[in-house]
């Protein structure tokens, strides 16, 4: 069963343009260095809109084949050593673009995937 890591945040006041540019750069960098992220089955980017609590909240959702794959990736990247030093330089998390006190991380597991409509 797949595991999804869902990280969410709101943009720091006045940082909207920098945020957009940084996320685009991050995705490009990751795409160009895909071999470093072999456990990532997919990565998707969303913003919560229209109605409900916390509209305007941004999400990135990583899909892994298993919790073991998630743990293997996090262990390898743990101290941002080697090629992950460059990754950290491209990670918007370290660019003061998010309201860090309101960031959230959740883990989801897919259910009844054979019933999904894709």
PDB file of N, CA and C in Angstrom:
ATOM      1  N   UNK A   1       0.825  -1.186   0.000  1.00  0.00           N
ATOM      2  CA  UNK A   1       0.000   0.000   0.000  1.00  0.00           C
ATOM      3  C   UNK A   1       0.870   1.250   0.000  1.00  0.00           C
ATOM      4  N   UNK A   2       0.483   2.222  -0.772  1.00  0.00           N
ATOM      5  CA  UNK A   2       1.230   3.470  -0.842  1.00  0.00           C
ATOM      6  C   UNK A   2       1.065   4.278   0.443  1.00  0.00           C
ATOM      7  N   UNK A   3       2.065   5.120   0.699  1.00  0.00           N
ATOM      8  CA  UNK A   3       2.048   6.044   1.826  1.00  0.00           C
ATOM      9  C   UNK A   3       2.250   7.443   1.252  1.00  0.00           C
ATOM     10  N   UNK A   4       1.489   8.398   1.760  1.00  0.00           N
ATOM     11  CA  UNK A   4       1.569   9.774   1.298  1.00  0.00           C
ATOM     12  C   UNK A   4       1.996  10.663   2.457  1.00  0.00           C
ATOM     13  N   UNK A   5       3.038  11.434   2.240  1.00  0.00           N
ATOM     14  CA  UNK A   5       3.470  12.436   3.213  1.00  0.00           C
ATOM     15  C   UNK A   5       2.923  13.770   2.719  1.00  0.00           C
ATOM     16  N   UNK A   6       2.044  14.366   3.498  1.00  0.00           N
ATOM     17  CA  UNK A   6       1.414  15.632   3.123  1.00  0.00           C
ATOM     18  C   UNK A   6       1.946  16.735   4.027  1.00  0.00           C
ATOM     19  N   UNK A   7       2.665  17.663   3.437  1.00  0.00           N
ATOM     20  CA  UNK A   7       3.225  18.794   4.178  1.00  0.00           C
ATOM     21  C   UNK A   7       2.470  20.038   3.730  1.00  0.00           C
ATOM     22  N   UNK A   8       2.060  20.866   4.695  1.00  0.00           N
ATOM     23  CA  UNK A   8       1.285  22.058   4.337  1.00  0.00           C
ATOM     24  C   UNK A   8       1.760  23.279   5.105  1.00  0.00           C
ATOM     25  N   UNK A   9       1.511  24.443   4.504  1.00  0.00           N
ATOM     26  CA  UNK A   9       1.975  25.705   5.068  1.00  0.00           C
ATOM     27  C   UNK A   9       1.188  26.864   4.472  1.00  0.00           C
ATOM     28  N   UNK A  10       1.384  28.011   5.061  1.00  0.00           N
ATOM     29  CA  UNK A  10       0.911  29.270   4.489  1.00  0.00           C
ATOM     30  C   UNK A  10       2.135  30.119   4.186  1.00  0.00           C
ATOM     31  N   UNK A  11       1.988  30.967   3.205  1.00  0.00           N
ATOM     32  CA  UNK A  11       3.098  31.804   2.756  1.00  0.00           C
ATOM     33  C   UNK A  11       3.288  32.968   3.723  1.00  0.00           C
ATOM     34  N   UNK A  12       4.529  33.280   4.020  1.00  0.00           N
ATOM     35  CA  UNK A  12       4.849  34.439   4.852  1.00  0.00           C
ATOM     36  C   UNK A  12       4.360  35.717   4.150  1.00  0.00           C
ATOM     37  N   UNK A  13       3.885  36.639   4.928  1.00  0.00           N
ATOM     38  CA  UNK A  13       3.331  37.891   4.397  1.00  0.00           C
ATOM     39  C   UNK A  13       4.341  38.596   3.487  1.00  0.00           C
ATOM     40  N   UNK A  14       3.855  38.976   2.301  1.00  0.00           N
ATOM     41  CA  UNK A  14       4.683  39.709   1.353  1.00  0.00           C
ATOM     42  C   UNK A  14       5.666  38.852   0.559  1.00  0.00           C
ATOM     43  N   UNK A  15       5.606  37.538   0.713  1.00  0.00           N
ATOM     44  CA  UNK A  15       6.576  36.648   0.066  1.00  0.00           C
ATOM     45  C   UNK A  15       5.961  35.829  -1.083  1.00  0.00           C
ATOM     46  N   UNK A  16       4.808  36.245  -1.591  1.00  0.00           N
ATOM     47  CA  UNK A  16       4.093  35.460  -2.593  1.00  0.00           C
ATOM     48  C   UNK A  16       4.911  35.242  -3.867  1.00  0.00           C
ATOM     49  N   UNK A  17       5.509  36.291  -4.407  1.00  0.00           N
ATOM     50  CA  UNK A  17       6.289  36.156  -5.647  1.00  0.00           C
ATOM     51  C   UNK A  17       7.518  35.271  -5.433  1.00  0.00           C
ATOM     52  N   UNK A  18       8.216  35.495  -4.327  1.00  0.00           N
ATOM     53  CA  UNK A  18       9.403  34.687  -4.025  1.00  0.00           C
ATOM     54  C   UNK A  18       9.029  33.228  -3.820  1.00  0.00           C
ATOM     55  N   UNK A  19       7.880  33.008  -3.171  1.00  0.00           N
ATOM     56  CA  UNK A  19       7.387  31.657  -2.932  1.00  0.00           C
ATOM     57  C   UNK A  19       7.139  30.938  -4.259  1.00  0.00           C
ATOM     58  N   UNK A  20       6.426  31.581  -5.150  1.00  0.00           N
ATOM     59  CA  UNK A  20       6.125  30.974  -6.456  1.00  0.00           C
ATOM     60  C   UNK A  20       7.408  30.622  -7.196  1.00  0.00           C
ATOM     61  N   UNK A  21       8.339  31.553  -7.234  1.00  0.00           N
ATOM     62  CA  UNK A  21       9.617  31.329  -7.921  1.00  0.00           C
ATOM     63  C   UNK A  21      10.396  30.185  -7.262  1.00  0.00           C
ATOM     64  N   UNK A  22      10.432  30.163  -5.942  1.00  0.00           N
ATOM     65  CA  UNK A  22      11.195  29.142  -5.214  1.00  0.00           C
ATOM     66  C   UNK A  22      10.609  27.749  -5.419  1.00  0.00           C
ATOM     67  N   UNK A  23       9.286  27.621  -5.416  1.00  0.00           N
ATOM     68  CA  UNK A  23       8.672  26.311  -5.628  1.00  0.00           C
ATOM     69  C   UNK A  23       8.922  25.809  -7.042  1.00  0.00           C
ATOM     70  N   UNK A  24       8.843  26.693  -8.003  1.00  0.00           N
ATOM     71  CA  UNK A  24       9.144  26.292  -9.386  1.00  0.00           C
ATOM     72  C   UNK A  24      10.597  25.852  -9.504  1.00  0.00           C
ATOM     73  N   UNK A  25      11.507  26.580  -8.869  1.00  0.00           N
ATOM     74  CA  UNK A  25      12.926  26.224  -8.900  1.00  0.00           C
ATOM     75  C   UNK A  25      13.169  24.890  -8.189  1.00  0.00           C
ATOM     76  N   UNK A  26      12.498  24.676  -7.063  1.00  0.00           N
ATOM     77  CA  UNK A  26      12.655  23.419  -6.330  1.00  0.00           C
ATOM     78  C   UNK A  26      12.226  22.236  -7.190  1.00  0.00           C
ATOM     79  N   UNK A  27      11.039  22.342  -7.811  1.00  0.00           N
ATOM     80  CA  UNK A  27      10.575  21.250  -8.671  1.00  0.00           C
ATOM     81  C   UNK A  27      11.541  21.007  -9.826  1.00  0.00           C
ATOM     82  N   UNK A  28      12.056  22.054 -10.419  1.00  0.00           N
ATOM     83  CA  UNK A  28      13.020  21.900 -11.524  1.00  0.00           C
ATOM     84  C   UNK A  28      14.279  21.202 -11.024  1.00  0.00           C
ATOM     85  N   UNK A  29      14.792  21.640  -9.872  1.00  0.00           N
ATOM     86  CA  UNK A  29      16.013  21.041  -9.330  1.00  0.00           C
ATOM     87  C   UNK A  29      15.796  19.557  -9.032  1.00  0.00           C
ATOM     88  N   UNK A  30      14.678  19.243  -8.408  1.00  0.00           N
ATOM     89  CA  UNK A  30      14.373  17.837  -8.102  1.00  0.00           C
ATOM     90  C   UNK A  30      14.254  17.031  -9.395  1.00  0.00           C
ATOM     91  N   UNK A  31      13.567  17.569 -10.374  1.00  0.00           N
ATOM     92  CA  UNK A  31      13.428  16.877 -11.662  1.00  0.00           C
ATOM     93  C   UNK A  31      14.795  16.618 -12.291  1.00  0.00           C
ATOM     94  N   UNK A  32      15.665  17.604 -12.223  1.00  0.00           N
ATOM     95  CA  UNK A  32      17.001  17.469 -12.806  1.00  0.00           C
ATOM     96  C   UNK A  32      17.916  16.525 -12.034  1.00  0.00           C
ATOM     97  N   UNK A  33      17.554  16.216 -10.793  1.00  0.00           N
ATOM     98  CA  UNK A  33      18.356  15.336  -9.933  1.00  0.00           C
ATOM     99  C   UNK A  33      17.506  14.170  -9.431  1.00  0.00           C
ATOM    100  N   UNK A  34      16.662  13.680 -10.276  1.00  0.00           N
ATOM    101  CA  UNK A  34      15.679  12.660  -9.912  1.00  0.00           C
ATOM    102  C   UNK A  34      16.318  11.418  -9.287  1.00  0.00           C
ATOM    103  N   UNK A  35      17.556  11.114  -9.659  1.00  0.00           N
ATOM    104  CA  UNK A  35      18.227   9.927  -9.128  1.00  0.00           C
ATOM    105  C   UNK A  35      18.413   9.982  -7.612  1.00  0.00           C
ATOM    106  N   UNK A  36      18.372  11.177  -7.027  1.00  0.00           N
ATOM    107  CA  UNK A  36      18.515  11.324  -5.571  1.00  0.00           C
ATOM    108  C   UNK A  36      17.226  10.986  -4.820  1.00  0.00           C
ATOM    109  N   UNK A  37      16.146  10.864  -5.550  1.00  0.00           N
ATOM    110  CA  UNK A  37      14.827  10.727  -4.939  1.00  0.00           C
ATOM    111  C   UNK A  37      14.109   9.483  -5.467  1.00  0.00           C
ATOM    112  N   UNK A  38      14.817   8.409  -5.582  1.00  0.00           N
ATOM    113  CA  UNK A  38      14.266   7.200  -6.204  1.00  0.00           C
ATOM    114  C   UNK A  38      13.052   6.647  -5.459  1.00  0.00           C
ATOM    115  N   UNK A  39      12.919   6.925  -4.174  1.00  0.00           N
ATOM    116  CA  UNK A  39      11.766   6.434  -3.413  1.00  0.00           C
ATOM    117  C   UNK A  39      10.484   7.228  -3.686  1.00  0.00           C
ATOM    118  N   UNK A  40      10.633   8.428  -4.236  1.00  0.00           N
ATOM    119  CA  UNK A  40       9.450   9.242  -4.500  1.00  0.00           C
ATOM    120  C   UNK A  40       8.724   8.683  -5.711  1.00  0.00           C
ATOM    121  N   UNK A  41       7.558   8.149  -5.500  1.00  0.00           N
ATOM    122  CA  UNK A  41       6.748   7.637  -6.603  1.00  0.00           C
ATOM    123  C   UNK A  41       6.099   8.796  -7.353  1.00  0.00           C
ATOM    124  N   UNK A  42       5.689   9.811  -6.604  1.00  0.00           N
ATOM    125  CA  UNK A  42       5.149  11.032  -7.200  1.00  0.00           C
ATOM    126  C   UNK A  42       5.274  12.165  -6.186  1.00  0.00           C
ATOM    127  N   UNK A  43       5.221  13.393  -6.699  1.00  0.00           N
ATOM    128  CA  UNK A  43       5.190  14.594  -5.859  1.00  0.00           C
ATOM    129  C   UNK A  43       4.163  15.522  -6.494  1.00  0.00           C
ATOM    130  N   UNK A  44       3.218  15.983  -5.676  1.00  0.00           N
ATOM    131  CA  UNK A  44       2.149  16.838  -6.196  1.00  0.00           C
ATOM    132  C   UNK A  44       2.018  18.079  -5.327  1.00  0.00           C
ATOM    133  N   UNK A  45       1.563  19.145  -5.958  1.00  0.00           N
ATOM    134  CA  UNK A  45       1.528  20.469  -5.331  1.00  0.00           C
ATOM    135  C   UNK A  45       0.115  21.032  -5.464  1.00  0.00           C
ATOM    136  N   UNK A  46      -0.447  21.519  -4.357  1.00  0.00           N
ATOM    137  CA  UNK A  46      -1.820  22.019  -4.327  1.00  0.00           C
ATOM    138  C   UNK A  46      -1.918  23.277  -3.468  1.00  0.00           C
ATOM    139  N   UNK A  47      -2.999  24.025  -3.677  1.00  0.00           N
ATOM    140  CA  UNK A  47      -3.390  25.085  -2.750  1.00  0.00           C
ATOM    141  C   UNK A  47      -4.868  24.878  -2.438  1.00  0.00           C
ATOM    142  N   UNK A  48      -5.217  25.021  -1.186  1.00  0.00           N
ATOM    143  CA  UNK A  48      -6.613  24.880  -0.759  1.00  0.00           C
ATOM    144  C   UNK A  48      -7.336  26.183  -1.093  1.00  0.00           C
ATOM    145  N   UNK A  49      -8.445  26.075  -1.813  1.00  0.00           N
ATOM    146  CA  UNK A  49      -9.150  27.271  -2.271  1.00  0.00           C
ATOM    147  C   UNK A  49     -10.639  27.200  -1.961  1.00  0.00           C
ATOM    148  N   UNK A  50     -11.301  28.271  -2.227  1.00  0.00           N
ATOM    149  CA  UNK A  50     -12.743  28.466  -2.227  1.00  0.00           C
ATOM    150  C   UNK A  50     -13.383  28.474  -0.844  1.00  0.00           C
ATOM    151  N   UNK A  51     -13.419  27.354  -0.156  1.00  0.00           N
ATOM    152  CA  UNK A  51     -14.170  27.320   1.102  1.00  0.00           C
ATOM    153  C   UNK A  51     -13.465  26.429   2.120  1.00  0.00           C
ATOM    154  N   UNK A  52     -13.894  26.550   3.328  1.00  0.00           N
ATOM    155  CA  UNK A  52     -13.360  25.684   4.370  1.00  0.00           C
ATOM    156  C   UNK A  52     -12.288  26.362   5.188  1.00  0.00           C
ATOM    157  N   UNK A  53     -11.909  25.653   6.236  1.00  0.00           N
ATOM    158  CA  UNK A  53     -10.862  26.171   7.109  1.00  0.00           C
ATOM    159  C   UNK A  53      -9.546  26.284   6.352  1.00  0.00           C
ATOM    160  N   UNK A  54      -8.809  27.296   6.666  1.00  0.00           N
ATOM    161  CA  UNK A  54      -7.452  27.499   6.167  1.00  0.00           C
ATOM    162  C   UNK A  54      -7.354  27.566   4.646  1.00  0.00           C
ATOM    163  N   UNK A  55      -8.326  28.192   3.996  1.00  0.00           N
ATOM    164  CA  UNK A  55      -8.187  28.431   2.563  1.00  0.00           C
ATOM    165  C   UNK A  55      -6.907  29.224   2.343  1.00  0.00           C
ATOM    166  N   UNK A  56      -6.229  28.955   1.249  1.00  0.00           N
ATOM    167  CA  UNK A  56      -4.953  29.595   0.976  1.00  0.00           C
ATOM    168  C   UNK A  56      -3.770  28.812   1.528  1.00  0.00           C
ATOM    169  N   UNK A  57      -4.023  27.646   2.074  1.00  0.00           N
ATOM    170  CA  UNK A  57      -2.958  26.784   2.586  1.00  0.00           C
ATOM    171  C   UNK A  57      -2.396  25.971   1.429  1.00  0.00           C
ATOM    172  N   UNK A  58      -1.074  25.869   1.352  1.00  0.00           N
ATOM    173  CA  UNK A  58      -0.381  25.142   0.289  1.00  0.00           C
ATOM    174  C   UNK A  58       0.027  23.755   0.774  1.00  0.00           C
ATOM    175  N   UNK A  59       0.028  22.804  -0.149  1.00  0.00           N
ATOM    176  CA  UNK A  59       0.361  21.417   0.162  1.00  0.00           C
ATOM    177  C   UNK A  59       1.340  20.859  -0.865  1.00  0.00           C
ATOM    178  N   UNK A  60       2.282  20.073  -0.394  1.00  0.00           N
ATOM    179  CA  UNK A  60       3.036  19.176  -1.260  1.00  0.00           C
ATOM    180  C   UNK A  60       2.794  17.787  -0.710  1.00  0.00           C
ATOM    181  N   UNK A  61       2.477  16.877  -1.614  1.00  0.00           N
ATOM    182  CA  UNK A  61       2.193  15.503  -1.217  1.00  0.00           C
ATOM    183  C   UNK A  61       3.152  14.574  -1.952  1.00  0.00           C
ATOM    184  N   UNK A  62       3.967  13.880  -1.151  1.00  0.00           N
ATOM    185  CA  UNK A  62       4.912  12.901  -1.686  1.00  0.00           C
ATOM    186  C   UNK A  62       4.267  11.526  -1.587  1.00  0.00           C
ATOM    187  N   UNK A  63       4.386  10.752  -2.635  1.00  0.00           N
ATOM    188  CA  UNK A  63       3.883   9.383  -2.618  1.00  0.00           C
ATOM    189  C   UNK A  63       5.068   8.419  -2.602  1.00  0.00           C
ATOM    190  N   UNK A  64       5.008   7.473  -1.685  1.00  0.00           N
ATOM    191  CA  UNK A  64       6.012   6.411  -1.557  1.00  0.00           C
ATOM    192  C   UNK A  64       5.296   5.068  -1.689  1.00  0.00           C
ATOM    193  N   UNK A  65       5.992   4.058  -2.132  1.00  0.00           N
ATOM    194  CA  UNK A  65       5.399   2.723  -2.211  1.00  0.00           C
ATOM    195  C   UNK A  65       5.122   2.146  -0.826  1.00  0.00           C
ATOM    196  N   UNK A  66       5.907   2.578   0.169  1.00  0.00           N
ATOM    197  CA  UNK A  66       5.757   2.022   1.518  1.00  0.00           C
ATOM    198  C   UNK A  66       6.372   2.959   2.544  1.00  0.00           C
ATOM    199  N   UNK A  67       6.061   2.732   3.797  1.00  0.00           N
ATOM    200  CA  UNK A  67       6.678   3.485   4.880  1.00  0.00           C
ATOM    201  C   UNK A  67       8.180   3.201   4.928  1.00  0.00           C
ATOM    202  N   UNK A  68       8.574   1.994   4.600  1.00  0.00           N
ATOM    203  CA  UNK A  68      10.007   1.643   4.554  1.00  0.00           C
ATOM    204  C   UNK A  68      10.744   2.494   3.526  1.00  0.00           C
ATOM    205  N   UNK A  69      10.127   2.769   2.378  1.00  0.00           N
ATOM    206  CA  UNK A  69      10.753   3.635   1.368  1.00  0.00           C
ATOM    207  C   UNK A  69      10.895   5.057   1.892  1.00  0.00           C
ATOM    208  N   UNK A  70       9.867   5.555   2.573  1.00  0.00           N
ATOM    209  CA  UNK A  70       9.934   6.886   3.183  1.00  0.00           C
ATOM    210  C   UNK A  70      11.104   6.947   4.172  1.00  0.00           C
ATOM    211  N   UNK A  71      11.185   5.950   5.046  1.00  0.00           N
ATOM    212  CA  UNK A  71      12.237   5.930   6.064  1.00  0.00           C
ATOM    213  C   UNK A  71      13.623   5.818   5.440  1.00  0.00           C
ATOM    214  N   UNK A  72      13.772   5.030   4.373  1.00  0.00           N
ATOM    215  CA  UNK A  72      15.069   4.888   3.695  1.00  0.00           C
ATOM    216  C   UNK A  72      15.507   6.226   3.108  1.00  0.00           C
ATOM    217  N   UNK A  73      14.581   6.939   2.479  1.00  0.00           N
ATOM    218  CA  UNK A  73      14.913   8.254   1.917  1.00  0.00           C
ATOM    219  C   UNK A  73      15.319   9.229   3.020  1.00  0.00           C
ATOM    220  N   UNK A  74      14.518   9.322   4.071  1.00  0.00           N
ATOM    221  CA  UNK A  74      14.815  10.273   5.151  1.00  0.00           C
ATOM    222  C   UNK A  74      16.149   9.955   5.824  1.00  0.00           C
ATOM    223  N   UNK A  75      16.457   8.697   5.978  1.00  0.00           N
ATOM    224  CA  UNK A  75      17.733   8.307   6.581  1.00  0.00           C
ATOM    225  C   UNK A  75      18.905   8.728   5.693  1.00  0.00           C
ATOM    226  N   UNK A  76      18.793   8.492   4.411  1.00  0.00           N
ATOM    227  CA  UNK A  76      19.868   8.838   3.478  1.00  0.00           C
ATOM    228  C   UNK A  76      20.081  10.357   3.415  1.00  0.00           C
ATOM    229  N   UNK A  77      19.016  11.117   3.499  1.00  0.00           N
ATOM    230  CA  UNK A  77      19.085  12.574   3.387  1.00  0.00           C
ATOM    231  C   UNK A  77      19.267  13.260   4.739  1.00  0.00           C
ATOM    232  N   UNK A  78      19.309  12.514   5.807  1.00  0.00           N
ATOM    233  CA  UNK A  78      19.229  13.000   7.188  1.00  0.00           C
ATOM    234  C   UNK A  78      19.988  14.289   7.489  1.00  0.00           C
ATOM    235  N   UNK A  79      21.259  14.349   7.229  1.00  0.00           N
ATOM    236  CA  UNK A  79      22.060  15.519   7.598  1.00  0.00           C
ATOM    237  C   UNK A  79      22.409  16.409   6.416  1.00  0.00           C
ATOM    238  N   UNK A  80      21.715  16.197   5.318  1.00  0.00           N
ATOM    239  CA  UNK A  80      21.956  16.976   4.097  1.00  0.00           C
ATOM    240  C   UNK A  80      23.427  16.935   3.689  1.00  0.00           C
ATOM    241  N   UNK A  81      24.002  15.759   3.726  1.00  0.00           N
ATOM    242  CA  UNK A  81      25.403  15.603   3.333  1.00  0.00           C
ATOM    243  C   UNK A  81      25.495  15.170   1.883  1.00  0.00           C
ATOM    244  N   UNK A  82      26.681  15.357   1.313  1.00  0.00           N
ATOM    245  CA  UNK A  82      26.910  14.953  -0.066  1.00  0.00           C
ATOM    246  C   UNK A  82      26.015  15.730  -1.012  1.00  0.00           C
ATOM    247  N   UNK A  83      25.350  15.043  -1.936  1.00  0.00           N
ATOM    248  CA  UNK A  83      24.521  15.743  -2.923  1.00  0.00           C
ATOM    249  C   UNK A  83      23.314  16.441  -2.314  1.00  0.00           C
ATOM    250  N   UNK A  84      22.960  16.062  -1.089  1.00  0.00           N
ATOM    251  CA  UNK A  84      21.804  16.696  -0.450  1.00  0.00           C
ATOM    252  C   UNK A  84      22.123  18.073   0.124  1.00  0.00           C
ATOM    253  N   UNK A  85      23.402  18.436   0.169  1.00  0.00           N
ATOM    254  CA  UNK A  85      23.769  19.812   0.538  1.00  0.00           C
ATOM    255  C   UNK A  85      23.184  20.786  -0.479  1.00  0.00           C
ATOM    256  N   UNK A  86      23.302  20.436  -1.753  1.00  0.00           N
ATOM    257  CA  UNK A  86      22.765  21.275  -2.826  1.00  0.00           C
ATOM    258  C   UNK A  86      21.235  21.284  -2.785  1.00  0.00           C
ATOM    259  N   UNK A  87      20.649  20.150  -2.458  1.00  0.00           N
ATOM    260  CA  UNK A  87      19.197  20.079  -2.317  1.00  0.00           C
ATOM    261  C   UNK A  87      18.711  21.091  -1.273  1.00  0.00           C
ATOM    262  N   UNK A  88      19.374  21.123  -0.134  1.00  0.00           N
ATOM    263  CA  UNK A  88      18.973  22.030   0.942  1.00  0.00           C
ATOM    264  C   UNK A  88      19.014  23.486   0.472  1.00  0.00           C
ATOM    265  N   UNK A  89      19.983  23.821  -0.371  1.00  0.00           N
ATOM    266  CA  UNK A  89      20.081  25.190  -0.894  1.00  0.00           C
ATOM    267  C   UNK A  89      18.899  25.541  -1.786  1.00  0.00           C
ATOM    268  N   UNK A  90      18.249  24.532  -2.362  1.00  0.00           N
ATOM    269  CA  UNK A  90      17.108  24.745  -3.254  1.00  0.00           C
ATOM    270  C   UNK A  90      15.763  24.511  -2.574  1.00  0.00           C
ATOM    271  N   UNK A  91      15.790  24.129  -1.309  1.00  0.00           N
ATOM    272  CA  UNK A  91      14.566  23.817  -0.582  1.00  0.00           C
ATOM    273  C   UNK A  91      13.929  25.103  -0.045  1.00  0.00           C
ATOM    274  N   UNK A  92      12.716  25.446  -0.520  1.00  0.00           N
ATOM    275  CA  UNK A  92      12.056  26.679  -0.057  1.00  0.00           C
ATOM    276  C   UNK A  92      11.852  26.754   1.450  1.00  0.00           C
ATOM    277  N   UNK A  93      11.848  25.615   2.120  1.00  0.00           N
ATOM    278  CA  UNK A  93      11.683  25.584   3.572  1.00  0.00           C
ATOM    279  C   UNK A  93      12.725  26.460   4.272  1.00  0.00           C
ATOM    280  N   UNK A  94      13.911  26.533   3.701  1.00  0.00           N
ATOM    281  CA  UNK A  94      15.015  27.269   4.328  1.00  0.00           C
ATOM    282  C   UNK A  94      15.159  28.695   3.789  1.00  0.00           C
ATOM    283  N   UNK A  95      14.147  29.204   3.102  1.00  0.00           N
ATOM    284  CA  UNK A  95      14.229  30.534   2.485  1.00  0.00           C
ATOM    285  C   UNK A  95      13.337  31.567   3.156  1.00  0.00           C
ATOM    286  N   UNK A  96      12.828  31.275   4.351  1.00  0.00           N
ATOM    287  CA  UNK A  96      11.946  32.190   5.082  1.00  0.00           C
ATOM    288  C   UNK A  96      10.725  32.619   4.269  1.00  0.00           C
ATOM    289  N   UNK A  97      10.151  31.677   3.554  1.00  0.00           N
ATOM    290  CA  UNK A  97       8.968  31.952   2.732  1.00  0.00           C
ATOM    291  C   UNK A  97       7.681  31.427   3.356  1.00  0.00           C
ATOM    292  N   UNK A  98       7.820  30.557   4.356  1.00  0.00           N
ATOM    293  CA  UNK A  98       6.673  29.931   5.003  1.00  0.00           C
ATOM    294  C   UNK A  98       6.477  30.504   6.399  1.00  0.00           C
ATOM    295  N   UNK A  99       5.263  30.403   6.903  1.00  0.00           N
ATOM    296  CA  UNK A  99       5.002  30.668   8.315  1.00  0.00           C
ATOM    297  C   UNK A  99       5.271  29.332   9.018  1.00  0.00           C
ATOM    298  N   UNK A 100       6.465  29.185   9.520  1.00  0.00           N
ATOM    299  CA  UNK A 100       6.908  27.896  10.061  1.00  0.00           C
ATOM    300  C   UNK A 100       6.088  27.426  11.251  1.00  0.00           C
ATOM    301  N   UNK A 101       5.610  28.342  12.062  1.00  0.00           N
ATOM    302  CA  UNK A 101       4.851  27.933  13.245  1.00  0.00           C
ATOM    303  C   UNK A 101       3.527  27.264  12.884  1.00  0.00           C
ATOM    304  N   UNK A 102       3.063  27.457  11.666  1.00  0.00           N
ATOM    305  CA  UNK A 102       1.797  26.856  11.246  1.00  0.00           C
ATOM    306  C   UNK A 102       1.944  25.692  10.289  1.00  0.00           C
ATOM    307  N   UNK A 103       3.170  25.234  10.080  1.00  0.00           N
ATOM    308  CA  UNK A 103       3.376  24.115   9.161  1.00  0.00           C
ATOM    309  C   UNK A 103       2.842  22.825   9.770  1.00  0.00           C
ATOM    310  N   UNK A 104       2.358  21.945   8.893  1.00  0.00           N
ATOM    311  CA  UNK A 104       1.805  20.665   9.330  1.00  0.00           C
ATOM    312  C   UNK A 104       2.364  19.546   8.443  1.00  0.00           C
ATOM    313  N   UNK A 105       2.533  18.377   9.038  1.00  0.00           N
ATOM    314  CA  UNK A 105       2.908  17.176   8.298  1.00  0.00           C
ATOM    315  C   UNK A 105       1.951  16.073   8.710  1.00  0.00           C
ATOM    316  N   UNK A 106       1.389  15.415   7.714  1.00  0.00           N
ATOM    317  CA  UNK A 106       0.485  14.300   7.952  1.00  0.00           C
ATOM    318  C   UNK A 106       0.916  13.134   7.077  1.00  0.00           C
ATOM    319  N   UNK A 107       0.555  11.935   7.487  1.00  0.00           N
ATOM    320  CA  UNK A 107       0.807  10.747   6.685  1.00  0.00           C
ATOM    321  C   UNK A 107      -0.518  10.073   6.393  1.00  0.00           C
ATOM    322  N   UNK A 108      -0.726   9.772   5.123  1.00  0.00           N
ATOM    323  CA  UNK A 108      -1.954   9.134   4.687  1.00  0.00           C
ATOM    324  C   UNK A 108      -1.601   7.808   4.030  1.00  0.00           C
ATOM    325  N   UNK A 109      -2.513   6.861   4.108  1.00  0.00           N
ATOM    326  CA  UNK A 109      -2.342   5.585   3.428  1.00  0.00           C
ATOM    327  C   UNK A 109      -3.523   5.411   2.482  1.00  0.00           C
ATOM    328  N   UNK A 110      -3.228   4.961   1.271  1.00  0.00           N
ATOM    329  CA  UNK A 110      -4.315   4.789   0.308  1.00  0.00           C
ATOM    330  C   UNK A 110      -5.246   3.663   0.752  1.00  0.00           C
ATOM    331  N   UNK A 111      -6.511   3.802   0.386  1.00  0.00           N
ATOM    332  CA  UNK A 111      -7.530   2.821   0.736  1.00  0.00           C
ATOM    333  C   UNK A 111      -8.299   2.447  -0.523  1.00  0.00           C
ATOM    334  N   UNK A 112      -8.611   1.180  -0.640  1.00  0.00           N
ATOM    335  CA  UNK A 112      -9.464   0.698  -1.734  1.00  0.00           C
ATOM    336  C   UNK A 112      -9.043   1.261  -3.087  1.00  0.00           C
ATOM    337  N   UNK A 113      -7.758   1.233  -3.354  1.00  0.00           N
ATOM    338  CA  UNK A 113      -7.233   1.855  -4.574  1.00  0.00           C
ATOM    339  C   UNK A 113      -7.840   1.243  -5.837  1.00  0.00           C
ATOM    340  N   UNK A 114      -8.233  -0.006  -5.761  1.00  0.00           N
ATOM    341  CA  UNK A 114      -8.864  -0.630  -6.937  1.00  0.00           C
ATOM    342  C   UNK A 114     -10.192   0.024  -7.292  1.00  0.00           C
ATOM    343  N   UNK A 115     -10.740   0.816  -6.375  1.00  0.00           N
ATOM    344  CA  UNK A 115     -12.002   1.522  -6.644  1.00  0.00           C
ATOM    345  C   UNK A 115     -11.780   2.957  -7.141  1.00  0.00           C
ATOM    346  N   UNK A 116     -10.551   3.425  -7.095  1.00  0.00           N
ATOM    347  CA  UNK A 116     -10.273   4.792  -7.510  1.00  0.00           C
ATOM    348  C   UNK A 116     -10.631   4.992  -8.988  1.00  0.00           C
ATOM    349  N   UNK A 117     -11.000   6.197  -9.290  1.00  0.00           N
ATOM    350  CA  UNK A 117     -11.275   6.570 -10.685  1.00  0.00           C
ATOM    351  C   UNK A 117     -10.185   7.536 -11.105  1.00  0.00           C
ATOM    352  N   UNK A 118      -9.351   7.087 -12.025  1.00  0.00           N
ATOM    353  CA  UNK A 118      -8.227   7.917 -12.485  1.00  0.00           C
ATOM    354  C   UNK A 118      -8.245   8.023 -13.983  1.00  0.00           C
TER     355      UNK A 118
END
